[in-house]
């Protein structure tokens, strides 16, 4: 059993037409296509990535 905090992130807006570094950030979060979800460890680095592309993703 893991006692680490996690976040579930879902890609809710297409990366088409967005900045290249934002697309790279979405891929870095492990999100591939629209509506894909990933459960990630709650770290400052992950939170920063989510904050950078907050207009594309939703935290569940």
PDB file of N, CA and C in Angstrom:
ATOM      1  N   UNK A   1       0.842  -1.196   0.000  1.00  0.00           N
ATOM      2  CA  UNK A   1       0.000   0.000   0.000  1.00  0.00           C
ATOM      3  C   UNK A   1       0.876   1.243   0.000  1.00  0.00           C
ATOM      4  N   UNK A   2       0.542   2.179  -0.877  1.00  0.00           N
ATOM      5  CA  UNK A   2       1.318   3.406  -0.982  1.00  0.00           C
ATOM      6  C   UNK A   2       0.577   4.536  -0.271  1.00  0.00           C
ATOM      7  N   UNK A   3       1.307   5.314   0.528  1.00  0.00           N
ATOM      8  CA  UNK A   3       0.678   6.433   1.218  1.00  0.00           C
ATOM      9  C   UNK A   3       1.044   7.758   0.554  1.00  0.00           C
ATOM     10  N   UNK A   4       1.486   7.700  -0.702  1.00  0.00           N
ATOM     11  CA  UNK A   4       1.810   8.916  -1.435  1.00  0.00           C
ATOM     12  C   UNK A   4       0.540   9.519  -2.014  1.00  0.00           C
ATOM     13  N   UNK A   5       0.505  10.843  -2.082  1.00  0.00           N
ATOM     14  CA  UNK A   5      -0.649  11.526  -2.641  1.00  0.00           C
ATOM     15  C   UNK A   5      -0.578  11.460  -4.159  1.00  0.00           C
ATOM     16  N   UNK A   6      -1.736  11.344  -4.800  1.00  0.00           N
ATOM     17  CA  UNK A   6      -1.776  11.293  -6.254  1.00  0.00           C
ATOM     18  C   UNK A   6      -2.800  12.274  -6.799  1.00  0.00           C
ATOM     19  N   UNK A   7      -2.630  12.603  -8.071  1.00  0.00           N
ATOM     20  CA  UNK A   7      -3.559  13.450  -8.803  1.00  0.00           C
ATOM     21  C   UNK A   7      -3.949  12.720 -10.078  1.00  0.00           C
ATOM     22  N   UNK A   8      -5.210  12.795 -10.472  1.00  0.00           N
ATOM     23  CA  UNK A   8      -5.635  12.244 -11.753  1.00  0.00           C
ATOM     24  C   UNK A   8      -5.837  13.421 -12.691  1.00  0.00           C
ATOM     25  N   UNK A   9      -5.147  13.380 -13.822  1.00  0.00           N
ATOM     26  CA  UNK A   9      -5.172  14.471 -14.796  1.00  0.00           C
ATOM     27  C   UNK A   9      -5.789  13.961 -16.084  1.00  0.00           C
ATOM     28  N   UNK A  10      -6.677  14.755 -16.672  1.00  0.00           N
ATOM     29  CA  UNK A  10      -7.358  14.377 -17.911  1.00  0.00           C
ATOM     30  C   UNK A  10      -7.169  15.476 -18.942  1.00  0.00           C
ATOM     31  N   UNK A  11      -6.824  15.102 -20.178  1.00  0.00           N
ATOM     32  CA  UNK A  11      -6.678  16.057 -21.280  1.00  0.00           C
ATOM     33  C   UNK A  11      -8.064  16.340 -21.850  1.00  0.00           C
ATOM     34  N   UNK A  12      -8.548  17.575 -21.679  1.00  0.00           N
ATOM     35  CA  UNK A  12      -9.916  17.898 -22.089  1.00  0.00           C
ATOM     36  C   UNK A  12      -9.972  18.840 -23.293  1.00  0.00           C
ATOM     37  N   UNK A  13      -8.829  19.346 -23.738  1.00  0.00           N
ATOM     38  CA  UNK A  13      -8.793  20.243 -24.889  1.00  0.00           C
ATOM     39  C   UNK A  13      -7.636  19.805 -25.779  1.00  0.00           C
ATOM     40  N   UNK A  14      -7.836  19.892 -27.085  1.00  0.00           N
ATOM     41  CA  UNK A  14      -6.838  19.438 -28.041  1.00  0.00           C
ATOM     42  C   UNK A  14      -5.574  20.293 -27.978  1.00  0.00           C
ATOM     43  N   UNK A  15      -4.423  19.659 -28.229  1.00  0.00           N
ATOM     44  CA  UNK A  15      -3.160  20.382 -28.251  1.00  0.00           C
ATOM     45  C   UNK A  15      -2.883  20.989 -29.626  1.00  0.00           C
ATOM     46  N   UNK A  16      -3.743  20.732 -30.593  1.00  0.00           N
ATOM     47  CA  UNK A  16      -3.563  21.298 -31.938  1.00  0.00           C
ATOM     48  C   UNK A  16      -3.579  22.821 -31.861  1.00  0.00           C
ATOM     49  N   UNK A  17      -2.582  23.453 -32.444  1.00  0.00           N
ATOM     50  CA  UNK A  17      -2.513  24.909 -32.469  1.00  0.00           C
ATOM     51  C   UNK A  17      -1.913  25.526 -31.235  1.00  0.00           C
ATOM     52  N   UNK A  18      -1.459  24.697 -30.294  1.00  0.00           N
ATOM     53  CA  UNK A  18      -0.848  25.240 -29.081  1.00  0.00           C
ATOM     54  C   UNK A  18       0.663  25.334 -29.259  1.00  0.00           C
ATOM     55  N   UNK A  19       1.322  25.990 -28.323  1.00  0.00           N
ATOM     56  CA  UNK A  19       2.783  26.144 -28.381  1.00  0.00           C
ATOM     57  C   UNK A  19       3.479  24.802 -28.250  1.00  0.00           C
ATOM     58  N   UNK A  20       4.606  24.683 -28.911  1.00  0.00           N
ATOM     59  CA  UNK A  20       5.354  23.424 -28.916  1.00  0.00           C
ATOM     60  C   UNK A  20       5.761  22.997 -27.502  1.00  0.00           C
ATOM     61  N   UNK A  21       6.159  23.951 -26.655  1.00  0.00           N
ATOM     62  CA  UNK A  21       6.559  23.579 -25.294  1.00  0.00           C
ATOM     63  C   UNK A  21       5.365  23.122 -24.461  1.00  0.00           C
ATOM     64  N   UNK A  22       4.173  23.629 -24.769  1.00  0.00           N
ATOM     65  CA  UNK A  22       2.974  23.177 -24.066  1.00  0.00           C
ATOM     66  C   UNK A  22       2.622  21.756 -24.502  1.00  0.00           C
ATOM     67  N   UNK A  23       2.796  21.460 -25.796  1.00  0.00           N
ATOM     68  CA  UNK A  23       2.566  20.101 -26.289  1.00  0.00           C
ATOM     69  C   UNK A  23       3.537  19.130 -25.621  1.00  0.00           C
ATOM     70  N   UNK A  24       4.787  19.560 -25.478  1.00  0.00           N
ATOM     71  CA  UNK A  24       5.794  18.715 -24.828  1.00  0.00           C
ATOM     72  C   UNK A  24       5.445  18.482 -23.357  1.00  0.00           C
ATOM     73  N   UNK A  25       4.895  19.481 -22.704  1.00  0.00           N
ATOM     74  CA  UNK A  25       4.490  19.351 -21.302  1.00  0.00           C
ATOM     75  C   UNK A  25       3.355  18.346 -21.164  1.00  0.00           C
ATOM     76  N   UNK A  26       2.386  18.413 -22.075  1.00  0.00           N
ATOM     77  CA  UNK A  26       1.268  17.452 -22.055  1.00  0.00           C
ATOM     78  C   UNK A  26       1.800  16.039 -22.233  1.00  0.00           C
ATOM     79  N   UNK A  27       2.730  15.848 -23.153  1.00  0.00           N
ATOM     80  CA  UNK A  27       3.333  14.524 -23.365  1.00  0.00           C
ATOM     81  C   UNK A  27       4.128  14.104 -22.129  1.00  0.00           C
ATOM     82  N   UNK A  28       4.787  15.064 -21.498  1.00  0.00           N
ATOM     83  CA  UNK A  28       5.548  14.777 -20.288  1.00  0.00           C
ATOM     84  C   UNK A  28       4.662  14.311 -19.142  1.00  0.00           C
ATOM     85  N   UNK A  29       3.418  14.764 -19.145  1.00  0.00           N
ATOM     86  CA  UNK A  29       2.448  14.308 -18.146  1.00  0.00           C
ATOM     87  C   UNK A  29       1.918  12.919 -18.492  1.00  0.00           C
ATOM     88  N   UNK A  30       2.255  12.420 -19.679  1.00  0.00           N
ATOM     89  CA  UNK A  30       1.820  11.087 -20.086  1.00  0.00           C
ATOM     90  C   UNK A  30       0.473  11.068 -20.761  1.00  0.00           C
ATOM     91  N   UNK A  31       0.006  12.234 -21.215  1.00  0.00           N
ATOM     92  CA  UNK A  31      -1.287  12.319 -21.880  1.00  0.00           C
ATOM     93  C   UNK A  31      -1.074  12.290 -23.389  1.00  0.00           C
ATOM     94  N   UNK A  32      -1.802  11.409 -24.067  1.00  0.00           N
ATOM     95  CA  UNK A  32      -1.606  11.252 -25.504  1.00  0.00           C
ATOM     96  C   UNK A  32      -2.713  11.883 -26.327  1.00  0.00           C
ATOM     97  N   UNK A  33      -3.921  11.358 -26.195  1.00  0.00           N
ATOM     98  CA  UNK A  33      -5.014  11.892 -26.996  1.00  0.00           C
ATOM     99  C   UNK A  33      -6.095  12.493 -26.102  1.00  0.00           C
ATOM    100  N   UNK A  34      -7.042  13.145 -26.727  1.00  0.00           N
ATOM    101  CA  UNK A  34      -8.132  13.793 -26.012  1.00  0.00           C
ATOM    102  C   UNK A  34      -8.822  12.797 -25.082  1.00  0.00           C
ATOM    103  N   UNK A  35      -9.155  13.243 -23.893  1.00  0.00           N
ATOM    104  CA  UNK A  35      -9.826  12.459 -22.851  1.00  0.00           C
ATOM    105  C   UNK A  35      -8.950  11.371 -22.229  1.00  0.00           C
ATOM    106  N   UNK A  36      -7.658  11.346 -22.544  1.00  0.00           N
ATOM    107  CA  UNK A  36      -6.786  10.372 -21.880  1.00  0.00           C
ATOM    108  C   UNK A  36      -6.529  10.846 -20.453  1.00  0.00           C
ATOM    109  N   UNK A  37      -6.344   9.890 -19.548  1.00  0.00           N
ATOM    110  CA  UNK A  37      -6.152  10.192 -18.129  1.00  0.00           C
ATOM    111  C   UNK A  37      -4.890   9.524 -17.617  1.00  0.00           C
ATOM    112  N   UNK A  38      -4.274  10.148 -16.621  1.00  0.00           N
ATOM    113  CA  UNK A  38      -3.116   9.567 -15.947  1.00  0.00           C
ATOM    114  C   UNK A  38      -3.230   9.888 -14.463  1.00  0.00           C
ATOM    115  N   UNK A  39      -2.829   8.950 -13.643  1.00  0.00           N
ATOM    116  CA  UNK A  39      -2.732   9.187 -12.210  1.00  0.00           C
ATOM    117  C   UNK A  39      -1.261   9.404 -11.906  1.00  0.00           C
ATOM    118  N   UNK A  40      -0.942  10.591 -11.396  1.00  0.00           N
ATOM    119  CA  UNK A  40       0.448  10.983 -11.172  1.00  0.00           C
ATOM    120  C   UNK A  40       0.678  11.304  -9.706  1.00  0.00           C
ATOM    121  N   UNK A  41       1.929  11.174  -9.290  1.00  0.00           N
ATOM    122  CA  UNK A  41       2.318  11.516  -7.927  1.00  0.00           C
ATOM    123  C   UNK A  41       2.206  13.031  -7.741  1.00  0.00           C
ATOM    124  N   UNK A  42       1.730  13.460  -6.599  1.00  0.00           N
ATOM    125  CA  UNK A  42       1.549  14.884  -6.306  1.00  0.00           C
ATOM    126  C   UNK A  42       2.870  15.493  -5.850  1.00  0.00           C
ATOM    127  N   UNK A  43       3.650  15.983  -6.816  1.00  0.00           N
ATOM    128  CA  UNK A  43       4.935  16.624  -6.516  1.00  0.00           C
ATOM    129  C   UNK A  43       4.910  18.059  -7.038  1.00  0.00           C
ATOM    130  N   UNK A  44       5.793  18.899  -6.539  1.00  0.00           N
ATOM    131  CA  UNK A  44       5.856  20.278  -7.051  1.00  0.00           C
ATOM    132  C   UNK A  44       6.115  20.329  -8.556  1.00  0.00           C
ATOM    133  N   UNK A  45       6.920  19.410  -9.084  1.00  0.00           N
ATOM    134  CA  UNK A  45       7.210  19.385 -10.524  1.00  0.00           C
ATOM    135  C   UNK A  45       5.949  19.089 -11.329  1.00  0.00           C
ATOM    136  N   UNK A  46       5.185  18.097 -10.894  1.00  0.00           N
ATOM    137  CA  UNK A  46       3.955  17.734 -11.595  1.00  0.00           C
ATOM    138  C   UNK A  46       2.944  18.867 -11.489  1.00  0.00           C
ATOM    139  N   UNK A  47       2.846  19.483 -10.322  1.00  0.00           N
ATOM    140  CA  UNK A  47       1.914  20.608 -10.159  1.00  0.00           C
ATOM    141  C   UNK A  47       2.283  21.768 -11.075  1.00  0.00           C
ATOM    142  N   UNK A  48       3.577  22.011 -11.234  1.00  0.00           N
ATOM    143  CA  UNK A  48       4.034  23.065 -12.131  1.00  0.00           C
ATOM    144  C   UNK A  48       3.672  22.782 -13.571  1.00  0.00           C
ATOM    145  N   UNK A  49       3.815  21.530 -13.979  1.00  0.00           N
ATOM    146  CA  UNK A  49       3.449  21.138 -15.340  1.00  0.00           C
ATOM    147  C   UNK A  49       1.953  21.302 -15.567  1.00  0.00           C
ATOM    148  N   UNK A  50       1.157  20.884 -14.591  1.00  0.00           N
ATOM    149  CA  UNK A  50      -0.299  21.027 -14.692  1.00  0.00           C
ATOM    150  C   UNK A  50      -0.672  22.504 -14.770  1.00  0.00           C
ATOM    151  N   UNK A  51      -0.016  23.331 -13.972  1.00  0.00           N
ATOM    152  CA  UNK A  51      -0.297  24.763 -13.963  1.00  0.00           C
ATOM    153  C   UNK A  51       0.017  25.394 -15.323  1.00  0.00           C
ATOM    154  N   UNK A  52       1.095  24.932 -15.945  1.00  0.00           N
ATOM    155  CA  UNK A  52       1.520  25.481 -17.233  1.00  0.00           C
ATOM    156  C   UNK A  52       0.482  25.220 -18.325  1.00  0.00           C
ATOM    157  N   UNK A  53      -0.137  24.055 -18.307  1.00  0.00           N
ATOM    158  CA  UNK A  53      -1.114  23.703 -19.349  1.00  0.00           C
ATOM    159  C   UNK A  53      -2.522  23.566 -18.754  1.00  0.00           C
ATOM    160  N   UNK A  54      -2.813  24.383 -17.756  1.00  0.00           N
ATOM    161  CA  UNK A  54      -4.095  24.278 -17.047  1.00  0.00           C
ATOM    162  C   UNK A  54      -5.301  24.514 -17.952  1.00  0.00           C
ATOM    163  N   UNK A  55      -5.103  25.226 -19.057  1.00  0.00           N
ATOM    164  CA  UNK A  55      -6.196  25.494 -19.987  1.00  0.00           C
ATOM    165  C   UNK A  55      -6.495  24.280 -20.881  1.00  0.00           C
ATOM    166  N   UNK A  56      -5.655  23.249 -20.819  1.00  0.00           N
ATOM    167  CA  UNK A  56      -5.848  22.041 -21.623  1.00  0.00           C
ATOM    168  C   UNK A  56      -6.286  20.835 -20.801  1.00  0.00           C
ATOM    169  N   UNK A  57      -6.005  20.867 -19.496  1.00  0.00           N
ATOM    170  CA  UNK A  57      -6.245  19.690 -18.662  1.00  0.00           C
ATOM    171  C   UNK A  57      -7.230  19.986 -17.537  1.00  0.00           C
ATOM    172  N   UNK A  58      -7.739  18.893 -16.960  1.00  0.00           N
ATOM    173  CA  UNK A  58      -8.621  18.980 -15.804  1.00  0.00           C
ATOM    174  C   UNK A  58      -8.100  18.007 -14.756  1.00  0.00           C
ATOM    175  N   UNK A  59      -8.028  18.449 -13.513  1.00  0.00           N
ATOM    176  CA  UNK A  59      -7.596  17.589 -12.420  1.00  0.00           C
ATOM    177  C   UNK A  59      -8.841  16.996 -11.784  1.00  0.00           C
ATOM    178  N   UNK A  60      -8.911  15.675 -11.753  1.00  0.00           N
ATOM    179  CA  UNK A  60     -10.100  14.994 -11.214  1.00  0.00           C
ATOM    180  C   UNK A  60      -9.908  14.611  -9.763  1.00  0.00           C
TER     181      UNK A  60
END
